[in-house]
Amino acid sequence: MEKFKKGLKVFFIIMAFVIINVIIDVITGASVPGIIANIKDGDMLKAGDYIIYGLLIGQLIKLTILYFYIGKRDNIYRNELGRRYIENEKISNPLIFVGIGFGTLGFGNILENIIMKALEGSKLVNDALELLEKAFRAKGPVDGIFILIAVIIGAPLVEELLFRGVLFEELRKEISLKVTIFLTALVFGIYHFNILQSSNAFFLGLVLAYVYYKTRSIKASIIVHATNNMIAMIPFLDQGLSPIGICIYTALLIIGIYSLITLRQKA
């Protein structure tokens, strides 16, 4: 009975977490791009060209909510447990986490390209590629700057505070470390809502949760996430499953593995 109650509590924590995030994403994703399309182009049907603005507004709303929620929980944790709600210890060598970010991107590119090859021509892959192309297509330099801000700064900051911060800490109170790492990664993968990003995000989520646990610092996982996203924005590195592509991804993966081994030895 006790296990059932605990399982039910974990389920409701995850569902509340997902529902709140999806509501914010749906509202901002449905309204903001249409408003901007109407202002800039006089045509709300061109909303697909401005998806990134909805993402940015959603990130700002989530950051505002997180600021108050984390502050409240932090006071409780300090008084009752003598520690911060989301741990943020000082990190001695940020380059280790940059290296891990290289590795996650290398593995992620291999995984994504294998999925694209295996499901070539399928509606699932085509829809995912179309969505990504629309979301990250810059119509001008201003759009390009906003895309970089959303991908390299906004997403790592918001998603780490949400998944490796709030969700990790809330689940960790109820279940084992291994299950916590797995569930936060699973929810992180599902949250990305398409077959290409979800598979990659699940693996990335496992690494990010491990980094947060080993370092006891949200800064470390943010650096890994930001590095992963930043390198992913370099078109040259996406060479498919060509020989040069395999060489690039393997080199990145080796850097990541070496960095993870270094982290494990030092932590």
Foldseek 3Di string as FASTA:
>chain_A
DVVVVLVVVLVVLLVVLLVVLVVLLCVLQVPVLLVVCCVPPVGSVLSLLVSLRSLVVSLVVLVVVLVVVQVVVQVVCCVPVVAGQQFADDDDDLVLLLLLLLQLLLVLLVVLLVVCVVQPPPPQVVVVVVSVCSNQPDPDPVSNVSSLCCQQPRCLVSLLCSLLGPQLSVSVVRDPLVVSQQVSLQSQLVSVPGDSSSVSSSVLSSVLNVQCVLVSRSVSSSSSRSSNRVVVPDVVQNPRPDPVNNVSSVVSNVSSVVSVVVSVVVD
